[in-house]
């Protein structure tokens, strides 16, 4: 598998650069610095180590007719004081896509993110969408492939029979403003093996290689979305665990325009822990949760959005409340949030400002947060936490931007924690004859 995707990468890079009619690329590099307190403290003296990590992102798209090549790559390396491997890379996408082939077929080959009802996740494989009907109102999706390593590199694949995802989705667009879909997914993932100390028959310890079984999941789902007069929208879904024939997630949301400037939104979510069919975690007690939420949005003078929300999460024998009030527009926002109940007690104020200091050249981003919270039910007083961010973005020309950002945090655990980020972005789009 590693050799296959390395070969595919070289071929697609050569193909996209050599024969593309359009090329779209975005490159960014960031350097992030911070200090970390040493875990071993001697004679009461606290020592710190300074770290600088660099991050690079590369997005590259090339197209020829109905075919496009897409990739998104991220690398990071420790510039000062190595942590762990010191260098890592992640291919989040690397695929070749054909659009509307034979006027009815879409196809993607390679590393890609799947979002098809219950089927979600990144695979190295194939995706096909068949569009049928007079107005293509019937669409059938099928996909399958090997699950990517958790590090998103191109290495360390278990055998495909223990590490795969395959599924299908059928969508119906035959009624105006209505989308209905049914889906199915079958997925297995084998966790990485590891060495651990175990005792033999006479209680002498020795290292043993622990290899766990591939975890099995099967799920089916129903999604329905309906819009009315471009003013109201309702959405619902229900997902089942096929192995146990049990509902694991249900959701309903409604967004209703009550008056010209007043909108209501409400929702309900039912959740059960997602536990693999053959997992050891089934021996532990688990319970479901139910969440209700409702809110109002009022547009003032066509510029300001005033909103209020209330939510309640119901656990087994307890509940947790959330209240939120706020106002925002294109340039700033202020909100107040309060939590109470089983999830803890806290209240906080958050505000942000986003302002263009020099038109199309220099922008300012500022945010501040203050909150008070109880560490435990036994605490008599609330603790304070502060955080903030100040950033500038400079664009000498539309394709180039430079970002500088400072961050700080202060709470009971970290009296002062300051971090600094600087970055460079370059974007290019070219169309060839």
Protein backbone atom coordinates (compact mmCIF):
# COMPACT_ATOMS: atom_id res chain seq x y z
CA UNK A 1 0.00 0.00 0.00
CA UNK A 2 2.83 2.43 0.81
CA UNK A 3 4.51 1.81 -2.58
CA UNK A 4 1.17 2.16 -4.37
CA UNK A 5 0.38 5.58 -2.92
CA UNK A 6 3.95 6.84 -3.34
CA UNK A 7 3.74 5.90 -7.03
CA UNK A 8 0.28 7.49 -7.31
CA UNK A 9 1.55 10.71 -5.72
CA UNK A 10 4.47 11.03 -8.19
CA UNK A 11 2.20 10.31 -11.15
CA UNK A 12 -0.51 12.76 -10.14
CA UNK A 13 1.98 15.55 -9.38
CA UNK A 14 3.57 15.09 -12.81
CA UNK A 15 0.16 14.87 -14.48
CA UNK A 16 -1.24 17.99 -12.82
CA UNK A 17 1.77 20.19 -13.51
CA UNK A 18 2.37 19.00 -17.08
CA UNK A 19 -1.12 18.84 -18.56
CA UNK A 20 -3.40 21.02 -16.42
CA UNK A 21 -5.67 23.63 -17.98
CA UNK A 22 -5.99 25.32 -14.56
CA UNK A 23 -3.82 25.18 -11.45
CA UNK A 24 -4.94 26.38 -8.03
CA UNK A 25 -2.38 26.27 -5.22
CA UNK A 26 -2.17 27.69 -1.73
CA UNK A 27 0.97 27.47 0.42
CA UNK A 28 1.34 28.62 4.01
CA UNK A 29 4.04 28.30 6.63
CA UNK A 30 3.69 29.18 10.30
CA UNK A 31 6.08 29.20 13.24
CA UNK A 32 4.66 28.78 16.73
CA UNK A 33 6.68 29.43 19.91
CA UNK A 34 5.94 28.70 23.55
CA UNK A 35 7.61 27.75 26.85
CA UNK A 36 7.04 24.49 28.69
CA UNK A 37 7.70 23.89 32.38
CA UNK A 38 9.91 20.89 33.10
CA UNK A 39 8.09 18.03 34.81
CA UNK A 40 11.05 17.35 37.13
CA UNK A 41 11.65 20.21 39.55
CA UNK A 42 14.72 20.10 41.82
CA UNK A 43 15.25 22.11 45.02
CA UNK A 44 12.10 24.08 44.41
CA UNK A 45 13.49 25.72 41.27
CA UNK A 46 11.17 25.80 38.27
CA UNK A 47 12.86 25.57 34.89
CA UNK A 48 11.39 26.10 31.43
CA UNK A 49 12.33 25.04 27.93
CA UNK A 50 11.60 27.16 24.87
CA UNK A 51 10.07 25.49 21.82
CA UNK A 52 9.53 26.63 18.24
CA UNK A 53 7.55 24.44 15.84
CA UNK A 54 7.08 25.10 12.14
CA UNK A 55 3.94 24.12 10.20
CA UNK A 56 3.56 24.02 6.42
CA UNK A 57 0.31 23.53 4.48
CA UNK A 58 0.15 22.88 0.75
CA UNK A 59 -3.08 22.75 -1.27
CA UNK A 60 -2.69 21.90 -4.96
CA UNK A 61 -5.48 21.44 -7.52
CA UNK A 62 -5.02 20.90 -11.24
CA UNK A 63 -7.75 20.33 -13.83
CA UNK A 64 -7.96 19.00 -17.38
CA UNK A 65 -11.46 18.96 -18.84
CA UNK A 66 -13.68 16.91 -16.53
CA UNK A 67 -10.72 15.62 -14.49
CA UNK A 68 -9.10 17.30 -11.49
CA UNK A 69 -6.23 16.38 -9.21
CA UNK A 70 -6.60 17.44 -5.56
CA UNK A 71 -4.22 17.21 -2.65
CA UNK A 72 -3.79 18.78 0.76
CA UNK A 73 -0.55 18.14 2.65
CA UNK A 74 0.63 19.32 6.07
CA UNK A 75 4.09 18.98 7.60
CA UNK A 76 5.48 20.07 10.95
CA UNK A 77 8.95 20.07 12.45
CA UNK A 78 10.55 21.07 15.75
CA UNK A 79 12.98 23.92 15.11
CA UNK A 80 14.10 24.37 18.70
CA UNK A 81 14.06 21.46 21.23
CA UNK A 82 12.74 18.27 19.65
CA UNK A 83 9.54 16.65 20.94
CA UNK A 84 8.68 13.08 19.92
CA UNK A 85 9.57 12.34 16.30
CA UNK A 86 10.58 15.93 15.62
CA UNK A 87 9.06 15.80 12.12
CA UNK A 88 5.74 14.57 10.78
CA UNK A 89 3.68 14.80 7.60
CA UNK A 90 -0.02 14.28 6.95
CA UNK A 91 -1.80 13.73 3.64
CA UNK A 92 -5.39 14.74 4.35
CA UNK A 93 -6.36 14.32 0.68
CA UNK A 94 -4.70 12.96 -2.46
CA UNK A 95 -7.14 11.95 -5.17
CA UNK A 96 -8.07 12.14 -8.85
CA UNK A 97 -11.64 13.23 -9.55
CA UNK A 98 -13.78 12.86 -12.67
CA UNK A 99 -16.94 15.00 -12.77
CA UNK A 100 -20.11 14.27 -14.75
CA UNK A 101 -18.52 11.56 -16.87
CA UNK A 102 -20.92 10.30 -19.58
CA UNK A 103 -23.24 12.99 -18.12
CA UNK A 104 -24.14 10.66 -15.23
CA UNK A 105 -21.06 9.61 -13.21
CA UNK A 106 -18.69 11.21 -10.67
CA UNK A 107 -15.64 9.27 -9.53
CA UNK A 108 -12.79 9.86 -7.05
CA UNK A 109 -9.71 7.65 -6.66
CA UNK A 110 -7.16 8.04 -3.85
CA UNK A 111 -7.12 9.49 -0.34
CA UNK A 112 -10.35 11.35 0.37
CA UNK A 113 -12.80 12.28 3.10
CA UNK A 114 -16.14 10.49 2.88
CA UNK A 115 -19.37 12.12 4.05
CA UNK A 116 -22.35 9.96 3.07
CA UNK A 117 -24.91 9.74 5.86
CA UNK A 118 -23.60 7.30 8.45
CA UNK A 119 -20.42 6.87 6.41
CA UNK A 120 -17.84 9.40 7.55
CA UNK A 121 -14.07 9.25 7.63
CA UNK A 122 -10.95 9.28 5.46
CA UNK A 123 -10.11 6.31 3.23
CA UNK A 124 -7.57 5.33 0.60
CA UNK A 125 -9.90 3.95 -2.03
CA UNK A 126 -12.66 4.72 -4.53
CA UNK A 127 -15.88 6.77 -4.51
CA UNK A 128 -18.55 6.69 -7.22
CA UNK A 129 -21.75 8.71 -7.62
CA UNK A 130 -24.30 7.65 -10.24
CA UNK A 131 -26.91 10.32 -11.17
CA UNK A 132 -30.12 8.95 -12.68
CA UNK A 133 -33.51 10.22 -13.77
CA UNK A 134 -34.70 12.96 -16.12
CA UNK A 135 -33.41 15.70 -13.82
CA UNK A 136 -30.86 13.50 -12.00
CA UNK A 137 -33.25 13.32 -9.06
CA UNK A 138 -32.00 9.85 -8.09
CA UNK A 139 -28.39 9.54 -6.99
CA UNK A 140 -26.55 6.44 -5.80
CA UNK A 141 -23.21 6.67 -3.99
CA UNK A 142 -20.85 3.76 -3.37
CA UNK A 143 -17.40 3.83 -1.77
CA UNK A 144 -14.81 1.51 -0.31
CA UNK A 145 -11.18 1.40 0.69
CA UNK A 146 -8.61 1.05 3.41
CA UNK A 147 -8.85 3.32 6.44
CA UNK A 148 -5.94 5.74 6.62
CA UNK A 149 -3.45 5.54 9.50
CA UNK A 150 -4.43 7.77 12.40
CA UNK A 151 -1.35 9.91 11.66
CA UNK A 152 -2.53 10.46 8.04
CA UNK A 153 0.82 9.35 6.64
CA UNK A 154 1.36 6.65 4.01
CA UNK A 155 2.76 3.87 6.18
CA UNK A 156 1.94 1.20 8.77
CA UNK A 157 -1.25 -0.19 7.22
CA UNK A 158 -2.76 -3.32 8.82
CA UNK A 159 -4.10 -5.91 6.37
CA UNK A 160 -7.11 -4.53 4.52
CA UNK A 161 -9.48 -7.22 5.80
CA UNK A 162 -8.92 -5.82 9.31
CA UNK A 163 -8.87 -2.15 8.35
CA UNK A 164 -11.47 -0.95 5.86
CA UNK A 165 -14.59 1.11 5.30
CA UNK A 166 -17.24 0.49 2.67
CA UNK A 167 -20.77 1.71 2.24
CA UNK A 168 -23.47 3.26 0.10
CA UNK A 169 -26.02 6.07 0.10
CA UNK A 170 -29.16 6.67 -1.96
CA UNK A 171 -30.42 10.27 -2.33
CA UNK A 172 -33.76 11.50 -3.67
CA UNK A 173 -34.32 15.05 -4.99
CA UNK A 174 -37.66 14.42 -6.75
CA UNK A 175 -39.73 16.88 -4.67
CA UNK A 176 -38.90 20.58 -4.75
CA UNK A 177 -36.82 21.71 -1.71
CA UNK A 178 -36.77 18.15 -0.32
CA UNK A 179 -33.69 15.93 0.08
CA UNK A 180 -34.09 12.43 1.51
CA UNK A 181 -31.31 9.87 1.88
CA UNK A 182 -30.71 6.39 3.27
CA UNK A 183 -27.19 5.13 3.95
CA UNK A 184 -25.16 2.15 5.16
CA UNK A 185 -21.58 1.71 6.37
CA UNK A 186 -19.47 -1.32 7.32
CA UNK A 187 -16.19 -0.43 9.01
CA UNK A 188 -13.36 -2.25 10.75
CA UNK A 189 -10.19 -0.81 12.28
CA UNK A 190 -7.41 -2.73 13.99
CA UNK A 191 -5.64 -0.68 16.70
CA UNK A 192 -1.84 -0.57 16.69
CA UNK A 193 -0.10 -3.37 18.56
CA UNK A 194 2.07 -2.47 21.56
CA UNK A 195 4.43 -4.01 24.11
CA UNK A 196 3.44 -4.26 27.79
CA UNK A 197 4.80 -5.90 30.95
CA UNK A 198 2.96 -9.07 31.98
CA UNK A 199 3.53 -11.64 34.74
CA UNK A 200 4.20 -15.31 33.93
CA UNK A 201 3.07 -18.33 35.97
CA UNK A 202 5.65 -17.68 38.72
CA UNK A 203 4.98 -13.92 38.67
CA UNK A 204 8.15 -12.86 36.85
CA UNK A 205 7.48 -9.90 34.58
CA UNK A 206 8.39 -9.93 30.90
CA UNK A 207 7.44 -7.94 27.81
CA UNK A 208 4.55 -9.21 25.70
CA UNK A 209 3.37 -7.98 22.31
CA UNK A 210 -0.33 -7.13 22.63
CA UNK A 211 -2.31 -7.36 19.38
CA UNK A 212 -5.99 -6.49 19.67
CA UNK A 213 -8.75 -7.64 17.35
CA UNK A 214 -10.14 -5.46 14.58
CA UNK A 215 -13.14 -3.52 15.88
CA UNK A 216 -16.36 -4.02 13.90
CA UNK A 217 -19.06 -1.41 13.21
CA UNK A 218 -22.14 -1.53 11.00
CA UNK A 219 -24.59 1.34 10.80
CA UNK A 220 -27.59 2.46 8.75
CA UNK A 221 -29.13 5.89 8.59
CA UNK A 222 -31.94 8.10 7.36
CA UNK A 223 -31.48 11.84 6.62
CA UNK A 224 -34.28 14.22 5.59
CA UNK A 225 -33.96 17.96 4.85
CA UNK A 226 -36.82 20.24 3.73
CA UNK A 227 -36.88 23.99 2.98
CA UNK A 228 -40.11 25.97 2.58
CA UNK A 229 -40.37 29.28 0.69
CA UNK A 230 -36.66 29.93 1.34
CA UNK A 231 -37.70 31.03 4.84
CA UNK A 232 -38.12 27.88 6.91
CA UNK A 233 -36.02 24.73 7.19
CA UNK A 234 -36.40 21.43 9.02
CA UNK A 235 -33.86 18.63 9.23
CA UNK A 236 -33.97 15.21 10.85
CA UNK A 237 -31.85 12.08 10.98
CA UNK A 238 -31.82 8.67 12.66
CA UNK A 239 -28.85 6.28 12.78
CA UNK A 240 -28.96 2.62 13.85
CA UNK A 241 -26.34 0.13 14.96
CA UNK A 242 -27.04 -2.78 12.58
CA UNK A 243 -25.24 -5.38 14.70
CA UNK A 244 -27.54 -4.70 17.67
CA UNK A 245 -30.53 -3.23 15.75
CA UNK A 246 -30.51 -0.33 18.16
CA UNK A 247 -30.97 3.43 17.65
CA UNK A 248 -27.68 5.19 18.44
CA UNK A 249 -28.41 8.77 17.32
CA UNK A 250 -31.51 10.77 16.53
CA UNK A 251 -31.68 14.44 15.68
CA UNK A 252 -34.29 17.03 14.70
CA UNK A 253 -33.69 20.73 13.94
CA UNK A 254 -36.07 23.48 12.85
CA UNK A 255 -35.32 27.03 11.71
CA UNK A 256 -38.49 29.16 11.40
CA UNK A 257 -38.86 32.80 10.33
CA UNK A 258 -41.51 34.15 12.74
CA UNK A 259 -41.43 37.75 11.54
CA UNK A 260 -39.40 39.80 9.08
CA UNK A 261 -36.48 40.25 11.49
CA UNK A 262 -37.18 37.51 14.04
CA UNK A 263 -36.14 33.87 13.61
CA UNK A 264 -36.65 30.86 15.90
CA UNK A 265 -34.36 27.83 15.98
CA UNK A 266 -34.82 24.68 18.01
CA UNK A 267 -33.52 21.17 18.13
CA UNK A 268 -33.40 17.79 19.84
CA UNK A 269 -30.54 15.26 19.88
CA UNK A 270 -30.54 11.70 21.21
CA UNK A 271 -27.13 10.06 21.65
CA UNK A 272 -25.82 6.68 22.71
CA UNK A 273 -22.08 6.00 23.09
CA UNK A 274 -20.59 4.66 19.84
CA UNK A 275 -18.99 1.38 20.98
CA UNK A 276 -17.72 -1.22 18.53
CA UNK A 277 -19.62 -4.52 18.46
CA UNK A 278 -16.69 -6.65 19.67
CA UNK A 279 -15.17 -4.11 22.07
CA UNK A 280 -14.24 -4.79 25.71
CA UNK A 281 -15.95 -1.49 26.63
CA UNK A 282 -19.32 -3.25 26.49
CA UNK A 283 -18.57 -4.65 29.97
CA UNK A 284 -18.84 -1.15 31.44
CA UNK A 285 -22.09 0.60 32.29
CA UNK A 286 -23.10 3.28 29.82
CA UNK A 287 -26.18 5.45 29.33
CA UNK A 288 -27.79 7.69 26.74
CA UNK A 289 -28.11 11.48 26.73
CA UNK A 290 -30.82 13.76 25.37
CA UNK A 291 -30.25 17.37 24.43
CA UNK A 292 -32.84 20.11 23.86
CA UNK A 293 -32.03 23.57 22.55
CA UNK A 294 -34.02 26.63 21.53
CA UNK A 295 -33.23 30.21 20.64
CA UNK A 296 -34.23 33.47 18.98
CA UNK A 297 -32.31 35.71 16.57
CA UNK A 298 -33.41 39.32 16.00
CA UNK A 299 -31.86 41.49 13.28
CA UNK A 300 -31.68 45.15 14.31
CA UNK A 301 -31.33 47.84 11.62
CA UNK A 302 -30.17 45.14 9.17
CA UNK A 303 -26.71 45.23 10.80
CA UNK A 304 -26.86 43.79 14.30
CA UNK A 305 -27.92 40.28 15.27
CA UNK A 306 -29.22 39.95 18.82
CA UNK A 307 -29.59 36.36 19.97
CA UNK A 308 -30.48 34.27 22.96
CA UNK A 309 -30.19 30.49 23.41
CA UNK A 310 -31.02 27.97 26.10
CA UNK A 311 -30.07 24.31 26.12
CA UNK A 312 -30.52 21.36 28.46
CA UNK A 313 -28.61 18.07 28.36
CA UNK A 314 -30.37 15.25 30.25
CA UNK A 315 -28.20 12.49 31.72
CA UNK A 316 -29.19 9.43 33.73
CA UNK A 317 -30.57 11.08 36.89
CA UNK A 318 -29.15 14.55 36.25
CA UNK A 319 -29.02 17.40 33.74
CA UNK A 320 -26.88 20.34 32.62
CA UNK A 321 -28.14 23.77 31.52
CA UNK A 322 -26.54 26.28 29.16
CA UNK A 323 -27.64 29.93 28.69
CA UNK A 324 -26.27 32.29 26.06
CA UNK A 325 -26.96 35.94 25.20
CA UNK A 326 -25.11 38.03 22.66
CA UNK A 327 -24.91 40.56 19.85
CA UNK A 328 -22.72 40.61 16.75
CA UNK A 329 -22.28 42.18 13.35
CA UNK A 330 -19.62 42.09 10.62
CA UNK A 331 -16.95 43.74 12.78
CA UNK A 332 -17.47 42.77 16.43
CA UNK A 333 -19.36 40.51 18.80
CA UNK A 334 -20.03 40.18 22.54
CA UNK A 335 -21.62 37.20 24.27
CA UNK A 336 -22.36 35.92 27.77
CA UNK A 337 -22.47 32.17 28.49
CA UNK A 338 -23.49 30.38 31.68
CA UNK A 339 -23.34 26.64 32.50
CA UNK A 340 -25.03 25.02 35.47
CA UNK A 341 -25.72 21.48 36.62
CA UNK A 342 -23.99 18.13 36.13
CA UNK A 343 -21.42 19.42 33.58
CA UNK A 344 -20.17 22.06 36.03
CA UNK A 345 -20.80 25.65 37.03
CA UNK A 346 -19.22 28.50 35.09
CA UNK A 347 -20.04 31.83 33.53
CA UNK A 348 -18.05 33.91 31.11
CA UNK A 349 -17.96 36.89 28.77
CA UNK A 350 -16.38 36.74 25.33
CA UNK A 351 -15.79 39.56 22.87
CA UNK A 352 -14.00 40.00 19.56
CA UNK A 353 -13.19 42.74 17.06
CA UNK A 354 -12.25 42.29 13.41
CA UNK A 355 -11.37 45.53 11.64
CA UNK A 356 -9.69 46.54 8.39
CA UNK A 357 -7.16 49.22 9.34
CA UNK A 358 -5.96 49.85 5.76
CA UNK A 359 -8.34 48.81 2.99
CA UNK A 360 -7.28 45.50 1.38
CA UNK A 361 -3.86 45.79 3.09
CA UNK A 362 -3.90 45.58 6.89
CA UNK A 363 -6.46 43.90 9.20
CA UNK A 364 -6.73 43.67 12.98
CA UNK A 365 -8.14 40.73 14.99
CA UNK A 366 -8.68 41.07 18.73
CA UNK A 367 -10.49 38.78 21.18
CA UNK A 368 -10.81 38.66 24.97
CA UNK A 369 -12.38 36.09 27.27
CA UNK A 370 -13.06 36.15 31.02
CA UNK A 371 -14.72 33.28 32.88
CA UNK A 372 -15.36 32.08 36.43
CA UNK A 373 -15.76 28.39 37.24
CA UNK A 374 -15.80 25.86 40.05
CA UNK A 375 -13.14 23.16 39.91
CA UNK A 376 -15.34 20.69 41.84
CA UNK A 377 -18.60 20.47 43.76
CA UNK A 378 -16.60 20.85 46.98
CA UNK A 379 -15.05 24.19 46.00
CA UNK A 380 -16.45 27.14 47.95
CA UNK A 381 -15.14 29.87 45.64
CA UNK A 382 -14.99 30.19 41.89
CA UNK A 383 -11.69 30.38 40.03
CA UNK A 384 -10.92 33.01 37.41
CA UNK A 385 -9.57 32.45 33.90
CA UNK A 386 -8.45 35.02 31.35
CA UNK A 387 -7.42 34.60 27.73
CA UNK A 388 -6.83 36.88 24.80
CA UNK A 389 -5.54 37.16 21.27
CA UNK A 390 -4.13 40.04 19.23
CA UNK A 391 -3.30 39.56 15.57
CA UNK A 392 -2.44 41.52 12.44
CA UNK A 393 -2.73 40.40 8.81
CA UNK A 394 -0.79 42.27 6.15
CA UNK A 395 -1.48 41.78 2.42
CA UNK A 396 1.10 43.51 0.21
CA UNK A 397 -0.85 42.08 -2.74
CA UNK A 398 -4.00 39.89 -2.96
CA UNK A 399 -2.01 36.66 -3.41
CA UNK A 400 0.28 37.14 -0.40
CA UNK A 401 -0.51 37.61 3.29
CA UNK A 402 1.62 37.75 6.45
CA UNK A 403 0.08 36.95 9.84
CA UNK A 404 1.43 37.90 13.27
CA UNK A 405 -0.45 36.81 16.38
CA UNK A 406 0.10 36.88 20.14
CA UNK A 407 -1.88 34.79 22.65
CA UNK A 408 -2.07 34.68 26.43
CA UNK A 409 -3.80 32.55 29.04
CA UNK A 410 -4.03 32.83 32.82
CA UNK A 411 -5.85 30.54 35.27
CA UNK A 412 -5.30 28.55 38.48
CA UNK A 413 -2.99 26.07 36.75
CA UNK A 414 -1.11 28.50 34.47
CA UNK A 415 -0.41 31.85 36.09
CA UNK A 416 0.96 33.15 32.78
CA UNK A 417 1.07 31.33 29.46
CA UNK A 418 2.05 33.40 26.42
CA UNK A 419 2.48 32.17 22.86
CA UNK A 420 3.51 33.77 19.59
CA UNK A 421 2.73 32.86 15.98
CA UNK A 422 4.01 34.24 12.70
CA UNK A 423 2.96 32.97 9.28
CA UNK A 424 3.18 33.48 5.53
CA UNK A 425 0.52 32.55 2.92
CA UNK A 426 0.71 32.44 -0.86
CA UNK A 427 -2.20 31.74 -3.21
CA UNK A 428 -2.05 31.31 -6.99
CA UNK A 429 -4.60 30.47 -9.66
CA UNK A 430 -3.59 30.13 -13.30
CA UNK A 431 -5.64 29.23 -16.35
CA UNK A 432 -3.85 27.97 -19.45
CA UNK A 433 -5.08 27.89 -23.03
